[in-house]
């Protein structure tokens, strides 16, 4: 687990926008490394992205409809990045909105 400091309680102090902005940063890195064909760097970013989104999924504040969106987001992002035959769209704009919102907080 690469984000030890976040697991010790920092993650739960972040807003949902801040959490998803961080997930989005790793998503962007994974996407970039996949496009460049660097498998080692891709898997590193992918692992970190999944770790962060799992921290959000396990955050008790996001129960109910937010939890459903987080779980679905994890599924869709994995489909996009891992399934070569997937017709999933790019989630960069989705995450960028959270990045902009997190900066306003």
C-alpha atoms as a PDB file:
ATOM      1  CA  UNK A   1       0.000   0.000   0.000  1.00  0.00           C
ATOM      2  CA  UNK A   2       1.560   3.229  -1.159  1.00  0.00           C
ATOM      3  CA  UNK A   3      -0.563   5.810   0.604  1.00  0.00           C
ATOM      4  CA  UNK A   4       0.164   4.944   4.229  1.00  0.00           C
ATOM      5  CA  UNK A   5      -0.367   8.521   5.449  1.00  0.00           C
ATOM      6  CA  UNK A   6      -3.780   8.627   3.846  1.00  0.00           C
ATOM      7  CA  UNK A   7      -4.799   5.359   5.458  1.00  0.00           C
ATOM      8  CA  UNK A   8      -3.958   6.738   8.882  1.00  0.00           C
ATOM      9  CA  UNK A   9      -6.838   9.200   8.765  1.00  0.00           C
ATOM     10  CA  UNK A  10      -5.901  12.039   6.412  1.00  0.00           C
ATOM     11  CA  UNK A  11      -8.117  10.703   3.632  1.00  0.00           C
ATOM     12  CA  UNK A  12     -11.243  10.889   5.797  1.00  0.00           C
ATOM     13  CA  UNK A  13     -10.579  14.587   6.436  1.00  0.00           C
ATOM     14  CA  UNK A  14     -10.719  15.398   2.723  1.00  0.00           C
ATOM     15  CA  UNK A  15     -13.912  16.404   0.976  1.00  0.00           C
ATOM     16  CA  UNK A  16     -15.314  14.102  -1.693  1.00  0.00           C
ATOM     17  CA  UNK A  17     -14.087  16.577  -4.315  1.00  0.00           C
ATOM     18  CA  UNK A  18     -10.554  16.459  -2.900  1.00  0.00           C
ATOM     19  CA  UNK A  19     -10.611  12.677  -2.787  1.00  0.00           C
ATOM     20  CA  UNK A  20     -11.805  12.343  -6.377  1.00  0.00           C
ATOM     21  CA  UNK A  21      -9.328  14.966  -7.564  1.00  0.00           C
ATOM     22  CA  UNK A  22      -6.561  12.762  -6.139  1.00  0.00           C
ATOM     23  CA  UNK A  23      -8.067   9.658  -7.734  1.00  0.00           C
ATOM     24  CA  UNK A  24      -8.205  11.608 -10.993  1.00  0.00           C
ATOM     25  CA  UNK A  25      -4.507  12.472 -10.793  1.00  0.00           C
ATOM     26  CA  UNK A  26      -3.610   8.801 -10.652  1.00  0.00           C
ATOM     27  CA  UNK A  27      -6.154   8.048 -13.385  1.00  0.00           C
ATOM     28  CA  UNK A  28      -4.419  10.603 -15.607  1.00  0.00           C
ATOM     29  CA  UNK A  29      -1.023   9.069 -14.903  1.00  0.00           C
ATOM     30  CA  UNK A  30      -2.299   5.557 -15.631  1.00  0.00           C
ATOM     31  CA  UNK A  31      -3.873   6.710 -18.887  1.00  0.00           C
ATOM     32  CA  UNK A  32      -0.702   8.526 -19.947  1.00  0.00           C
ATOM     33  CA  UNK A  33       1.533   5.531 -19.239  1.00  0.00           C
ATOM     34  CA  UNK A  34      -0.841   3.176 -21.007  1.00  0.00           C
ATOM     35  CA  UNK A  35      -0.777   5.383 -24.111  1.00  0.00           C
ATOM     36  CA  UNK A  36       3.037   5.471 -23.983  1.00  0.00           C
ATOM     37  CA  UNK A  37       3.203   1.690 -23.615  1.00  0.00           C
ATOM     38  CA  UNK A  38       5.072   1.766 -20.299  1.00  0.00           C
ATOM     39  CA  UNK A  39       3.493  -1.185 -18.542  1.00  0.00           C
ATOM     40  CA  UNK A  40       5.458  -0.874 -15.288  1.00  0.00           C
ATOM     41  CA  UNK A  41       4.506   2.775 -14.784  1.00  0.00           C
ATOM     42  CA  UNK A  42       0.930   2.077 -15.901  1.00  0.00           C
ATOM     43  CA  UNK A  43       0.459  -0.636 -13.280  1.00  0.00           C
ATOM     44  CA  UNK A  44       1.990   1.530 -10.567  1.00  0.00           C
ATOM     45  CA  UNK A  45      -0.437   4.373 -11.300  1.00  0.00           C
ATOM     46  CA  UNK A  46      -3.317   1.933 -11.709  1.00  0.00           C
ATOM     47  CA  UNK A  47      -2.607   0.362  -8.318  1.00  0.00           C
ATOM     48  CA  UNK A  48      -2.429   3.777  -6.648  1.00  0.00           C
ATOM     49  CA  UNK A  49      -5.662   4.884  -8.323  1.00  0.00           C
ATOM     50  CA  UNK A  50      -7.490   1.763  -7.154  1.00  0.00           C
ATOM     51  CA  UNK A  51      -6.080   2.155  -3.660  1.00  0.00           C
ATOM     52  CA  UNK A  52      -7.368   5.734  -3.466  1.00  0.00           C
ATOM     53  CA  UNK A  53     -10.800   4.970  -4.861  1.00  0.00           C
ATOM     54  CA  UNK A  54     -11.055   2.057  -2.417  1.00  0.00           C
ATOM     55  CA  UNK A  55     -10.246   4.449   0.434  1.00  0.00           C
ATOM     56  CA  UNK A  56     -13.166   6.607  -0.742  1.00  0.00           C
ATOM     57  CA  UNK A  57     -15.450   3.585  -1.052  1.00  0.00           C
ATOM     58  CA  UNK A  58     -14.580   2.652   2.533  1.00  0.00           C
ATOM     59  CA  UNK A  59     -15.129   6.203   3.827  1.00  0.00           C
ATOM     60  CA  UNK A  60     -18.294   5.928   5.929  1.00  0.00           C
ATOM     61  CA  UNK A  61     -19.383   9.460   4.976  1.00  0.00           C
ATOM     62  CA  UNK A  62     -20.159   8.361   1.427  1.00  0.00           C
ATOM     63  CA  UNK A  63     -22.831   5.752   2.150  1.00  0.00           C
ATOM     64  CA  UNK A  64     -25.982   5.642   0.027  1.00  0.00           C
ATOM     65  CA  UNK A  65     -26.057   7.097  -3.478  1.00  0.00           C
ATOM     66  CA  UNK A  66     -22.493   8.440  -3.244  1.00  0.00           C
ATOM     67  CA  UNK A  67     -21.225   4.959  -2.452  1.00  0.00           C
ATOM     68  CA  UNK A  68     -23.067   3.563  -5.473  1.00  0.00           C
ATOM     69  CA  UNK A  69     -21.464   6.201  -7.705  1.00  0.00           C
ATOM     70  CA  UNK A  70     -17.989   5.447  -6.340  1.00  0.00           C
ATOM     71  CA  UNK A  71     -18.359   1.707  -6.872  1.00  0.00           C
ATOM     72  CA  UNK A  72     -19.707   2.258 -10.386  1.00  0.00           C
ATOM     73  CA  UNK A  73     -16.902   4.717 -11.134  1.00  0.00           C
ATOM     74  CA  UNK A  74     -14.333   2.106 -10.092  1.00  0.00           C
ATOM     75  CA  UNK A  75     -15.933  -0.428 -12.395  1.00  0.00           C
ATOM     76  CA  UNK A  76     -16.111   1.931 -15.381  1.00  0.00           C
ATOM     77  CA  UNK A  77     -12.584   3.261 -15.017  1.00  0.00           C
ATOM     78  CA  UNK A  78     -11.255  -0.297 -14.798  1.00  0.00           C
ATOM     79  CA  UNK A  79     -13.220  -1.200 -17.924  1.00  0.00           C
ATOM     80  CA  UNK A  80     -11.733   1.757 -19.771  1.00  0.00           C
ATOM     81  CA  UNK A  81      -8.133   1.188 -18.725  1.00  0.00           C
ATOM     82  CA  UNK A  82      -7.992  -2.624 -18.679  1.00  0.00           C
ATOM     83  CA  UNK A  83     -10.349  -3.855 -21.399  1.00  0.00           C
ATOM     84  CA  UNK A  84      -8.883  -3.258 -24.845  1.00  0.00           C
ATOM     85  CA  UNK A  85     -12.269  -3.904 -26.472  1.00  0.00           C
ATOM     86  CA  UNK A  86     -14.080  -1.471 -24.185  1.00  0.00           C
ATOM     87  CA  UNK A  87     -15.847   1.447 -25.798  1.00  0.00           C
ATOM     88  CA  UNK A  88     -15.774   3.394 -22.528  1.00  0.00           C
ATOM     89  CA  UNK A  89     -15.144   7.074 -22.790  1.00  0.00           C
ATOM     90  CA  UNK A  90     -12.330   9.075 -21.271  1.00  0.00           C
ATOM     91  CA  UNK A  91     -12.969  10.097 -17.653  1.00  0.00           C
ATOM     92  CA  UNK A  92     -10.535  13.038 -17.708  1.00  0.00           C
ATOM     93  CA  UNK A  93     -13.330  15.634 -17.845  1.00  0.00           C
ATOM     94  CA  UNK A  94     -15.191  13.893 -15.024  1.00  0.00           C
ATOM     95  CA  UNK A  95     -12.161  14.086 -12.745  1.00  0.00           C
ATOM     96  CA  UNK A  96     -11.238  17.619 -13.883  1.00  0.00           C
ATOM     97  CA  UNK A  97     -14.525  18.913 -12.511  1.00  0.00           C
ATOM     98  CA  UNK A  98     -13.622  17.537  -9.077  1.00  0.00           C
ATOM     99  CA  UNK A  99     -10.158  19.041  -9.362  1.00  0.00           C
ATOM    100  CA  UNK A 100     -11.667  22.478 -10.015  1.00  0.00           C
ATOM    101  CA  UNK A 101     -14.205  22.041  -7.209  1.00  0.00           C
ATOM    102  CA  UNK A 102     -11.501  20.933  -4.755  1.00  0.00           C
ATOM    103  CA  UNK A 103      -9.519  24.108  -5.483  1.00  0.00           C
ATOM    104  CA  UNK A 104     -12.520  26.244  -4.566  1.00  0.00           C
ATOM    105  CA  UNK A 105     -12.941  24.584  -1.163  1.00  0.00           C
END
